[in-house]
Amino acid sequence: MNMRVSLLLGAASVLALGACATNPDGTTGTGLSRTQQGALAGAAVGALYGAQRDDDDNNQGRDAARGALVGAAAGAVVGNILERQEQSLRQVMTTPGVQIINRGDHLQVILPSGLLFGSDSAAVSGQAQNDLYGLAQNLQQYPNSRVEIYGHTDSTASESYNLDLSERRAQSVGGILTAAGVSGQRLVMIGRGESQPVASNDTEAGKAQNRRVEILIRPTN
């Protein structure tokens, strides 16, 4: 990789680091919108791809620059779509406890199992169905995405039982979305059982956090 390409990639890295800022609450954030973050990340990836694509060293700088431009445009588009979709989701999914997180390249929706299901049940409650129908409406409004639905449990029962319960719960959530009009070809339903805890299973509060359904919305173009 020649000096010009190295400088271009180095500049992208510096921009990414320089974008970090301290939020008013004391946490560290980027200080950039998701659209801007997407453009920056896309530029860096596009530059690297462009530099590696051509074996002619004389053209690597040009290829990297072109790749950066294309990558920035694509990243900005994805970031902008996710920003708008996130805002829309927050308007239709209003049940306390539901989390909607913009990860930059995908959206993560976390639904506590206590809101979705009764104890040891895979039947979706009426209250939760309202939020899922709102989610389905949002997914139809933004159709260019893959939707991954993961069921999770705590470690109270046996590992095999928890895996089966998590699979049935993921399937139930997917069934509501398809019944509400979302194409089944967009959906993947997977049970994780107790294998991916987010908190300690030694406390009731931790177990409650581990009992959840996570929905990942990944743009496809």
C-alpha atoms as a PDB file:
ATOM      1  CA  MET A   1       0.000   0.000   0.000  1.00  0.00           C
ATOM      2  CA  ASN A   2       1.578   3.307  -1.043  1.00  0.00           C
ATOM      3  CA  MET A   3       2.012   6.442   1.034  1.00  0.00           C
ATOM      4  CA  ARG A   4      -1.066   8.159  -0.409  1.00  0.00           C
ATOM      5  CA  VAL A   5      -3.351   5.298   0.549  1.00  0.00           C
ATOM      6  CA  SER A   6      -1.807   5.110   4.013  1.00  0.00           C
ATOM      7  CA  LEU A   7      -2.398   8.812   4.537  1.00  0.00           C
ATOM      8  CA  LEU A   8      -6.017   8.509   3.403  1.00  0.00           C
ATOM      9  CA  LEU A   9      -6.761   5.641   5.762  1.00  0.00           C
ATOM     10  CA  GLY A  10      -4.891   7.386   8.545  1.00  0.00           C
ATOM     11  CA  ALA A  11      -7.003  10.495   8.033  1.00  0.00           C
ATOM     12  CA  ALA A  12     -10.175   8.455   8.286  1.00  0.00           C
ATOM     13  CA  SER A  13      -8.951   6.954  11.553  1.00  0.00           C
ATOM     14  CA  VAL A  14      -8.083  10.365  12.946  1.00  0.00           C
ATOM     15  CA  LEU A  15     -11.524  11.673  12.020  1.00  0.00           C
ATOM     16  CA  ALA A  16     -13.173   8.742  13.751  1.00  0.00           C
ATOM     17  CA  LEU A  17     -11.166   9.335  16.923  1.00  0.00           C
ATOM     18  CA  GLY A  18     -11.634  13.084  16.760  1.00  0.00           C
ATOM     19  CA  ALA A  19     -15.384  12.677  16.577  1.00  0.00           C
ATOM     20  CA  CYS A  20     -15.485  11.369  20.156  1.00  0.00           C
ATOM     21  CA  ALA A  21     -16.897  13.824  22.633  1.00  0.00           C
ATOM     22  CA  THR A  22     -18.057  13.895  26.234  1.00  0.00           C
ATOM     23  CA  ASN A  23     -21.818  14.008  26.620  1.00  0.00           C
ATOM     24  CA  PRO A  24     -23.507  16.222  29.226  1.00  0.00           C
ATOM     25  CA  ASP A  25     -24.149  13.177  31.421  1.00  0.00           C
ATOM     26  CA  GLY A  26     -20.440  12.387  31.550  1.00  0.00           C
ATOM     27  CA  THR A  27     -20.536   9.460  29.147  1.00  0.00           C
ATOM     28  CA  THR A  28     -18.391   9.314  26.043  1.00  0.00           C
ATOM     29  CA  GLY A  29     -20.092   9.581  22.674  1.00  0.00           C
ATOM     30  CA  THR A  30     -19.190  10.351  19.089  1.00  0.00           C
ATOM     31  CA  GLY A  31     -20.798  13.764  18.823  1.00  0.00           C
ATOM     32  CA  LEU A  32     -21.991  12.739  15.363  1.00  0.00           C
ATOM     33  CA  SER A  33     -25.356  11.676  14.055  1.00  0.00           C
ATOM     34  CA  ARG A  34     -25.779   8.106  12.860  1.00  0.00           C
ATOM     35  CA  THR A  35     -25.808   9.426   9.287  1.00  0.00           C
ATOM     36  CA  GLN A  36     -22.435  11.105   9.808  1.00  0.00           C
ATOM     37  CA  GLN A  37     -21.017   8.066  11.574  1.00  0.00           C
ATOM     38  CA  GLY A  38     -22.191   5.849   8.728  1.00  0.00           C
ATOM     39  CA  ALA A  39     -20.571   8.094   6.153  1.00  0.00           C
ATOM     40  CA  LEU A  40     -17.277   8.128   8.067  1.00  0.00           C
ATOM     41  CA  ALA A  41     -17.204   4.367   8.529  1.00  0.00           C
ATOM     42  CA  GLY A  42     -18.214   3.805   4.918  1.00  0.00           C
ATOM     43  CA  ALA A  43     -15.446   6.091   3.696  1.00  0.00           C
ATOM     44  CA  ALA A  44     -12.790   4.194   5.634  1.00  0.00           C
ATOM     45  CA  VAL A  45     -14.020   0.793   4.474  1.00  0.00           C
ATOM     46  CA  GLY A  46     -14.470   2.004   0.897  1.00  0.00           C
ATOM     47  CA  ALA A  47     -10.960   3.441   0.807  1.00  0.00           C
ATOM     48  CA  LEU A  48      -9.436   0.190   1.973  1.00  0.00           C
ATOM     49  CA  TYR A  49     -11.500  -1.831  -0.495  1.00  0.00           C
ATOM     50  CA  GLY A  50     -10.572   0.467  -3.355  1.00  0.00           C
ATOM     51  CA  ALA A  51      -6.896   0.332  -2.502  1.00  0.00           C
ATOM     52  CA  GLN A  52      -6.850  -3.450  -2.421  1.00  0.00           C
ATOM     53  CA  ARG A  53      -8.917  -3.946  -5.551  1.00  0.00           C
ATOM     54  CA  ASP A  54      -6.389  -2.774  -8.120  1.00  0.00           C
ATOM     55  CA  ASP A  55      -2.981  -4.425  -8.464  1.00  0.00           C
ATOM     56  CA  ASP A  56      -1.587  -1.358 -10.246  1.00  0.00           C
ATOM     57  CA  ASP A  57       0.236   0.568  -7.527  1.00  0.00           C
ATOM     58  CA  ASN A  58       0.073   3.722  -9.610  1.00  0.00           C
ATOM     59  CA  ASN A  59      -3.707   3.733  -9.363  1.00  0.00           C
ATOM     60  CA  GLN A  60      -4.163   2.674  -5.743  1.00  0.00           C
ATOM     61  CA  GLY A  61      -4.528   6.218  -4.453  1.00  0.00           C
ATOM     62  CA  ARG A  62      -7.199   6.960  -7.046  1.00  0.00           C
ATOM     63  CA  ASP A  63      -9.002   3.694  -6.351  1.00  0.00           C
ATOM     64  CA  ALA A  64      -8.909   4.354  -2.620  1.00  0.00           C
ATOM     65  CA  ALA A  65     -10.358   7.831  -3.096  1.00  0.00           C
ATOM     66  CA  ARG A  66     -13.144   6.504  -5.301  1.00  0.00           C
ATOM     67  CA  GLY A  67     -13.846   3.735  -2.820  1.00  0.00           C
ATOM     68  CA  ALA A  68     -14.008   6.261  -0.003  1.00  0.00           C
ATOM     69  CA  LEU A  69     -16.563   8.369  -1.877  1.00  0.00           C
ATOM     70  CA  VAL A  70     -18.763   5.379  -2.696  1.00  0.00           C
ATOM     71  CA  GLY A  71     -18.452   3.996   0.823  1.00  0.00           C
ATOM     72  CA  ALA A  72     -19.270   7.339   2.412  1.00  0.00           C
ATOM     73  CA  ALA A  73     -22.398   7.711   0.302  1.00  0.00           C
ATOM     74  CA  ALA A  74     -23.575   4.185   1.093  1.00  0.00           C
ATOM     75  CA  GLY A  75     -22.824   4.560   4.796  1.00  0.00           C
ATOM     76  CA  ALA A  76     -24.656   7.881   4.975  1.00  0.00           C
ATOM     77  CA  VAL A  77     -27.726   6.389   3.320  1.00  0.00           C
ATOM     78  CA  VAL A  78     -27.855   3.474   5.756  1.00  0.00           C
ATOM     79  CA  GLY A  79     -27.271   5.779   8.736  1.00  0.00           C
ATOM     80  CA  ASN A  80     -30.035   8.135   7.645  1.00  0.00           C
ATOM     81  CA  ILE A  81     -32.523   5.309   7.111  1.00  0.00           C
ATOM     82  CA  LEU A  82     -31.770   3.834  10.533  1.00  0.00           C
ATOM     83  CA  GLU A  83     -32.194   7.234  12.195  1.00  0.00           C
ATOM     84  CA  ARG A  84     -35.621   7.689  10.641  1.00  0.00           C
ATOM     85  CA  GLN A  85     -36.673   4.109  11.358  1.00  0.00           C
ATOM     86  CA  GLU A  86     -35.557   4.411  14.970  1.00  0.00           C
ATOM     87  CA  GLN A  87     -37.630   7.577  15.459  1.00  0.00           C
ATOM     88  CA  SER A  88     -40.655   5.883  13.934  1.00  0.00           C
ATOM     89  CA  LEU A  89     -40.232   2.817  16.164  1.00  0.00           C
ATOM     90  CA  ARG A  90     -40.144   4.967  19.289  1.00  0.00           C
ATOM     91  CA  GLN A  91     -43.536   6.378  18.365  1.00  0.00           C
ATOM     92  CA  VAL A  92     -45.249   2.989  17.988  1.00  0.00           C
ATOM     93  CA  MET A  93     -43.465   0.903  20.640  1.00  0.00           C
ATOM     94  CA  THR A  94     -44.348   2.737  23.834  1.00  0.00           C
ATOM     95  CA  THR A  95     -44.611  -0.007  26.464  1.00  0.00           C
ATOM     96  CA  PRO A  96     -42.271   0.747  29.400  1.00  0.00           C
ATOM     97  CA  GLY A  97     -39.272  -1.576  29.418  1.00  0.00           C
ATOM     98  CA  VAL A  98     -38.898  -1.876  25.644  1.00  0.00           C
ATOM     99  CA  GLN A  99     -35.435  -0.780  24.496  1.00  0.00           C
ATOM    100  CA  ILE A 100     -34.643   0.491  20.990  1.00  0.00           C
ATOM    101  CA  ILE A 101     -30.923   0.889  20.315  1.00  0.00           C
ATOM    102  CA  ASN A 102     -29.333   2.244  17.149  1.00  0.00           C
ATOM    103  CA  ARG A 103     -26.063   0.339  16.683  1.00  0.00           C
ATOM    104  CA  GLY A 104     -25.002   2.351  13.631  1.00  0.00           C
ATOM    105  CA  ASP A 105     -25.341  -0.476  11.115  1.00  0.00           C
ATOM    106  CA  HIS A 106     -28.492  -2.074  12.570  1.00  0.00           C
ATOM    107  CA  LEU A 107     -31.281  -1.510  15.078  1.00  0.00           C
ATOM    108  CA  GLN A 108     -31.648  -3.631  18.202  1.00  0.00           C
ATOM    109  CA  VAL A 109     -35.045  -3.959  19.883  1.00  0.00           C
ATOM    110  CA  ILE A 110     -35.014  -5.634  23.312  1.00  0.00           C
ATOM    111  CA  LEU A 111     -38.303  -6.884  24.745  1.00  0.00           C
ATOM    112  CA  PRO A 112     -38.303  -8.275  28.303  1.00  0.00           C
ATOM    113  CA  SER A 113     -40.028 -11.656  28.375  1.00  0.00           C
ATOM    114  CA  GLY A 114     -42.167 -10.439  31.255  1.00  0.00           C
ATOM    115  CA  LEU A 115     -43.870  -8.043  28.853  1.00  0.00           C
ATOM    116  CA  LEU A 116     -44.314 -10.700  26.176  1.00  0.00           C
ATOM    117  CA  PHE A 117     -45.137 -13.942  27.931  1.00  0.00           C
ATOM    118  CA  GLY A 118     -46.581 -15.433  31.055  1.00  0.00           C
ATOM    119  CA  SER A 119     -44.436 -17.691  33.204  1.00  0.00           C
ATOM    120  CA  ASP A 120     -43.275 -20.776  31.291  1.00  0.00           C
ATOM    121  CA  SER A 121     -45.395 -19.748  28.288  1.00  0.00           C
ATOM    122  CA  ALA A 122     -44.713 -18.911  24.646  1.00  0.00           C
ATOM    123  CA  ALA A 123     -48.097 -17.231  24.074  1.00  0.00           C
ATOM    124  CA  VAL A 124     -47.693 -13.485  23.407  1.00  0.00           C
ATOM    125  CA  SER A 125     -49.746 -11.301  25.741  1.00  0.00           C
ATOM    126  CA  GLY A 126     -52.319  -8.860  24.408  1.00  0.00           C
ATOM    127  CA  GLN A 127     -50.390  -5.817  25.588  1.00  0.00           C
ATOM    128  CA  ALA A 128     -47.216  -6.953  23.841  1.00  0.00           C
ATOM    129  CA  GLN A 129     -49.099  -7.693  20.636  1.00  0.00           C
ATOM    130  CA  ASN A 130     -49.850  -3.980  20.255  1.00  0.00           C
ATOM    131  CA  ASP A 131     -46.141  -3.177  20.229  1.00  0.00           C
ATOM    132  CA  LEU A 132     -45.416  -6.032  17.822  1.00  0.00           C
ATOM    133  CA  TYR A 133     -48.097  -4.845  15.433  1.00  0.00           C
ATOM    134  CA  GLY A 134     -46.496  -1.401  15.596  1.00  0.00           C
ATOM    135  CA  LEU A 135     -43.136  -3.003  14.837  1.00  0.00           C
ATOM    136  CA  ALA A 136     -44.685  -4.875  11.898  1.00  0.00           C
ATOM    137  CA  GLN A 137     -46.052  -1.626  10.501  1.00  0.00           C
ATOM    138  CA  ASN A 138     -42.602  -0.071  10.815  1.00  0.00           C
ATOM    139  CA  LEU A 139     -40.943  -3.024   9.068  1.00  0.00           C
ATOM    140  CA  GLN A 140     -43.350  -2.698   6.162  1.00  0.00           C
ATOM    141  CA  GLN A 141     -42.610   1.011   5.953  1.00  0.00           C
ATOM    142  CA  TYR A 142     -38.891   0.157   5.758  1.00  0.00           C
ATOM    143  CA  PRO A 143     -38.924  -3.088   3.744  1.00  0.00           C
ATOM    144  CA  ASN A 144     -35.238  -3.386   2.835  1.00  0.00           C
ATOM    145  CA  SER A 145     -33.985  -5.229   5.879  1.00  0.00           C
ATOM    146  CA  ARG A 146     -33.408  -8.662   7.365  1.00  0.00           C
ATOM    147  CA  VAL A 147     -35.033  -9.255  10.749  1.00  0.00           C
ATOM    148  CA  GLU A 148     -33.394 -11.623  13.230  1.00  0.00           C
ATOM    149  CA  ILE A 149     -35.434 -12.671  16.272  1.00  0.00           C
ATOM    150  CA  TYR A 150     -33.557 -14.251  19.195  1.00  0.00           C
ATOM    151  CA  GLY A 151     -35.189 -15.789  22.239  1.00  0.00           C
ATOM    152  CA  HIS A 152     -33.244 -15.853  25.519  1.00  0.00           C
ATOM    153  CA  THR A 153     -33.934 -17.367  28.939  1.00  0.00           C
ATOM    154  CA  ASP A 154     -32.384 -17.445  32.387  1.00  0.00           C
ATOM    155  CA  SER A 155     -30.766 -20.597  33.754  1.00  0.00           C
ATOM    156  CA  THR A 156     -33.556 -21.746  36.064  1.00  0.00           C
ATOM    157  CA  ALA A 157     -34.554 -24.902  34.170  1.00  0.00           C
ATOM    158  CA  SER A 158     -32.427 -27.401  32.265  1.00  0.00           C
ATOM    159  CA  GLU A 159     -30.365 -26.233  29.324  1.00  0.00           C
ATOM    160  CA  SER A 160     -32.388 -28.290  26.826  1.00  0.00           C
ATOM    161  CA  TYR A 161     -35.703 -27.044  28.210  1.00  0.00           C
ATOM    162  CA  ASN A 162     -34.554 -23.423  28.089  1.00  0.00           C
ATOM    163  CA  LEU A 163     -33.375 -23.812  24.504  1.00  0.00           C
ATOM    164  CA  ASP A 164     -36.746 -25.213  23.455  1.00  0.00           C
ATOM    165  CA  LEU A 165     -38.650 -22.461  25.303  1.00  0.00           C
ATOM    166  CA  SER A 166     -36.507 -19.732  23.748  1.00  0.00           C
ATOM    167  CA  GLU A 167     -37.075 -21.183  20.272  1.00  0.00           C
ATOM    168  CA  ARG A 168     -40.843 -21.302  20.792  1.00  0.00           C
ATOM    169  CA  ARG A 169     -40.870 -17.727  22.034  1.00  0.00           C
ATOM    170  CA  ALA A 170     -38.850 -16.492  19.057  1.00  0.00           C
ATOM    171  CA  GLN A 171     -41.250 -18.334  16.757  1.00  0.00           C
ATOM    172  CA  SER A 172     -44.245 -16.748  18.516  1.00  0.00           C
ATOM    173  CA  VAL A 173     -42.879 -13.251  18.008  1.00  0.00           C
ATOM    174  CA  GLY A 174     -42.123 -14.033  14.362  1.00  0.00           C
ATOM    175  CA  GLY A 175     -45.630 -15.422  13.954  1.00  0.00           C
ATOM    176  CA  ILE A 176     -47.178 -12.158  15.161  1.00  0.00           C
ATOM    177  CA  LEU A 177     -45.056 -10.171  12.710  1.00  0.00           C
ATOM    178  CA  THR A 178     -45.985 -12.380   9.757  1.00  0.00           C
ATOM    179  CA  ALA A 179     -49.660 -12.300  10.755  1.00  0.00           C
ATOM    180  CA  ALA A 180     -49.382  -8.510  10.715  1.00  0.00           C
ATOM    181  CA  GLY A 181     -48.081  -8.533   7.150  1.00  0.00           C
ATOM    182  CA  VAL A 182     -44.295  -8.850   7.341  1.00  0.00           C
ATOM    183  CA  SER A 183     -42.910 -11.254   4.749  1.00  0.00           C
ATOM    184  CA  GLY A 184     -41.700 -14.466   6.338  1.00  0.00           C
ATOM    185  CA  GLN A 185     -38.732 -14.440   3.954  1.00  0.00           C
ATOM    186  CA  ARG A 186     -37.319 -11.480   5.879  1.00  0.00           C
ATOM    187  CA  LEU A 187     -37.473 -13.221   9.248  1.00  0.00           C
ATOM    188  CA  VAL A 188     -35.066 -15.547  11.021  1.00  0.00           C
ATOM    189  CA  MET A 189     -36.185 -16.968  14.388  1.00  0.00           C
ATOM    190  CA  ILE A 190     -33.518 -18.472  16.656  1.00  0.00           C
ATOM    191  CA  GLY A 191     -33.540 -19.702  20.242  1.00  0.00           C
ATOM    192  CA  ARG A 192     -30.417 -19.042  22.320  1.00  0.00           C
ATOM    193  CA  GLY A 193     -31.682 -20.550  25.566  1.00  0.00           C
ATOM    194  CA  GLU A 194     -29.524 -19.581  28.553  1.00  0.00           C
ATOM    195  CA  SER A 195     -26.289 -19.344  26.534  1.00  0.00           C
ATOM    196  CA  GLN A 196     -26.062 -15.536  26.200  1.00  0.00           C
ATOM    197  CA  PRO A 197     -26.863 -13.901  29.554  1.00  0.00           C
ATOM    198  CA  VAL A 198     -26.546 -10.138  29.899  1.00  0.00           C
ATOM    199  CA  ALA A 199     -26.598 -10.253  33.709  1.00  0.00           C
ATOM    200  CA  SER A 200     -25.905 -12.666  36.542  1.00  0.00           C
ATOM    201  CA  ASN A 201     -28.322 -15.545  36.986  1.00  0.00           C
ATOM    202  CA  ASP A 202     -27.543 -15.521  40.715  1.00  0.00           C
ATOM    203  CA  THR A 203     -30.125 -12.801  41.401  1.00  0.00           C
ATOM    204  CA  GLU A 204     -33.780 -12.393  40.474  1.00  0.00           C
ATOM    205  CA  ALA A 205     -33.039  -9.013  38.897  1.00  0.00           C
ATOM    206  CA  GLY A 206     -30.341 -10.564  36.744  1.00  0.00           C
ATOM    207  CA  LYS A 207     -32.592 -13.434  35.698  1.00  0.00           C
ATOM    208  CA  ALA A 208     -35.267 -10.938  34.665  1.00  0.00           C
ATOM    209  CA  GLN A 209     -32.770  -9.186  32.385  1.00  0.00           C
ATOM    210  CA  ASN A 210     -31.734 -12.477  30.815  1.00  0.00           C
ATOM    211  CA  ARG A 211     -35.326 -13.437  29.980  1.00  0.00           C
ATOM    212  CA  ARG A 212     -35.799 -11.435  26.815  1.00  0.00           C
ATOM    213  CA  VAL A 213     -36.400 -11.415  23.079  1.00  0.00           C
ATOM    214  CA  GLU A 214     -33.970  -9.414  20.940  1.00  0.00           C
ATOM    215  CA  ILE A 215     -34.895  -8.295  17.440  1.00  0.00           C
ATOM    216  CA  LEU A 216     -32.091  -7.139  15.145  1.00  0.00           C
ATOM    217  CA  ILE A 217     -33.080  -5.148  12.069  1.00  0.00           C
ATOM    218  CA  ARG A 218     -30.261  -5.194   9.506  1.00  0.00           C
ATOM    219  CA  PRO A 219     -30.546  -3.069   6.330  1.00  0.00           C
ATOM    220  CA  THR A 220     -29.948  -5.107   3.185  1.00  0.00           C
ATOM    221  CA  ASN A 221     -29.234  -2.219   0.805  1.00  0.00           C
END
